[in-house]
Amino acid sequence: MKYRKKPIVVEAMQLNRNFAEVICKWIGRNNIASYNLGEFNEDSCYIYIKTPEGPMLAKEGDYIIKGIKGEFYPCKPDIFEATYEKVNE
């Protein structure tokens, strides 16, 4: 059998050090396990996000997606771009 993903609209932001604080506020501090927004190490910008499956690492360039139940999770750019397309509102 084959299945098609239901067409749903999700909110997402791409993690980079310029928008890291905005993303942290959007996710909510209670959904973040740990983070480095580039202030301690110029080569490193990451967030560990608390997900239903456990903490997941989002590195700079990854997308953060808000799921249909309000949960957040990271997604690699190539997977995101193959799965989602921008919606004009």
Protein backbone atom coordinates (compact mmCIF):
# COMPACT_ATOMS: atom_id res chain seq x y z
CA MET A 1 0.00 0.00 0.00
CA LYS A 2 1.04 3.58 -0.55
CA TYR A 3 0.11 6.61 1.53
CA ARG A 4 0.20 10.32 0.86
CA LYS A 5 0.90 12.87 3.57
CA LYS A 6 -2.19 14.94 4.35
CA PRO A 7 -1.83 18.52 3.18
CA ILE A 8 -1.44 20.56 6.34
CA VAL A 9 0.12 23.95 6.93
CA VAL A 10 2.82 24.14 9.60
CA GLU A 11 4.75 27.03 11.10
CA ALA A 12 8.53 26.78 10.72
CA MET A 13 11.65 28.90 11.17
CA GLN A 14 15.21 28.24 10.05
CA LEU A 15 17.73 28.34 12.88
CA ASN A 16 20.58 30.80 12.50
CA ARG A 17 22.37 32.93 15.05
CA ASN A 18 20.61 36.12 13.82
CA PHE A 19 17.17 34.71 14.71
CA ALA A 20 18.13 32.30 17.49
CA GLU A 21 16.67 34.46 20.30
CA VAL A 22 13.42 34.91 18.35
CA ILE A 23 13.19 31.15 17.82
CA CYS A 24 13.83 30.48 21.53
CA LYS A 25 10.98 32.83 22.45
CA TRP A 26 8.71 31.21 19.83
CA ILE A 27 9.46 27.69 21.08
CA GLY A 28 9.30 28.70 24.75
CA ARG A 29 12.08 28.14 27.27
CA ASN A 30 10.19 25.19 28.82
CA ASN A 31 10.53 23.34 25.46
CA ILE A 32 14.30 23.81 25.30
CA ALA A 33 16.64 21.33 27.01
CA SER A 34 19.86 23.29 26.34
CA TYR A 35 21.27 25.70 23.79
CA ASN A 36 24.25 27.65 22.49
CA LEU A 37 23.25 30.56 20.30
CA GLY A 38 26.79 31.25 19.13
CA GLU A 39 27.76 33.52 22.01
CA PHE A 40 30.25 31.03 23.51
CA ASN A 41 31.63 29.57 20.30
CA GLU A 42 31.37 31.38 16.97
CA ASP A 43 31.32 28.03 15.14
CA SER A 44 28.40 26.66 17.11
CA CYS A 45 24.74 27.56 17.19
CA TYR A 46 22.39 24.84 18.38
CA ILE A 47 19.28 24.13 20.43
CA TYR A 48 18.23 20.86 22.05
CA ILE A 49 14.44 20.83 21.77
CA LYS A 50 12.24 18.77 24.08
CA THR A 51 10.05 16.62 21.82
CA PRO A 52 7.60 13.80 22.57
CA GLU A 53 10.39 11.40 21.48
CA GLY A 54 12.96 13.04 23.80
CA PRO A 55 15.49 15.86 23.31
CA MET A 56 16.47 16.45 19.67
CA LEU A 57 19.34 18.56 18.37
CA ALA A 58 18.71 21.45 15.97
CA LYS A 59 21.90 22.87 14.45
CA GLU A 60 22.33 26.14 12.62
CA GLY A 61 20.58 25.83 9.24
CA ASP A 62 18.01 23.29 10.45
CA TYR A 63 14.32 24.16 10.43
CA ILE A 64 12.26 24.17 13.61
CA ILE A 65 8.71 23.00 12.91
CA LYS A 66 5.64 23.50 15.08
CA GLY A 67 3.56 20.34 14.79
CA ILE A 68 -0.21 20.02 14.62
CA LYS A 69 -0.45 19.43 18.38
CA GLY A 70 1.74 22.44 19.25
CA GLU A 71 4.91 20.39 19.69
CA PHE A 72 8.24 21.50 18.21
CA TYR A 73 10.86 19.45 16.44
CA PRO A 74 13.91 20.02 14.21
CA CYS A 75 14.16 19.07 10.55
CA LYS A 76 17.24 19.00 8.31
CA PRO A 77 17.06 21.52 5.42
CA ASP A 78 17.09 18.93 2.62
CA ILE A 79 14.21 16.96 4.19
CA PHE A 80 12.26 20.15 4.91
CA GLU A 81 12.64 21.44 1.35
CA ALA A 82 11.63 18.06 -0.12
CA THR A 83 8.55 17.84 2.14
CA TYR A 84 7.24 21.39 2.44
CA GLU A 85 6.59 24.31 0.13
CA LYS A 86 6.05 27.94 1.12
CA VAL A 87 2.42 29.05 1.48
CA ASN A 88 1.40 32.53 0.38
CA GLU A 89 -0.98 33.95 2.94
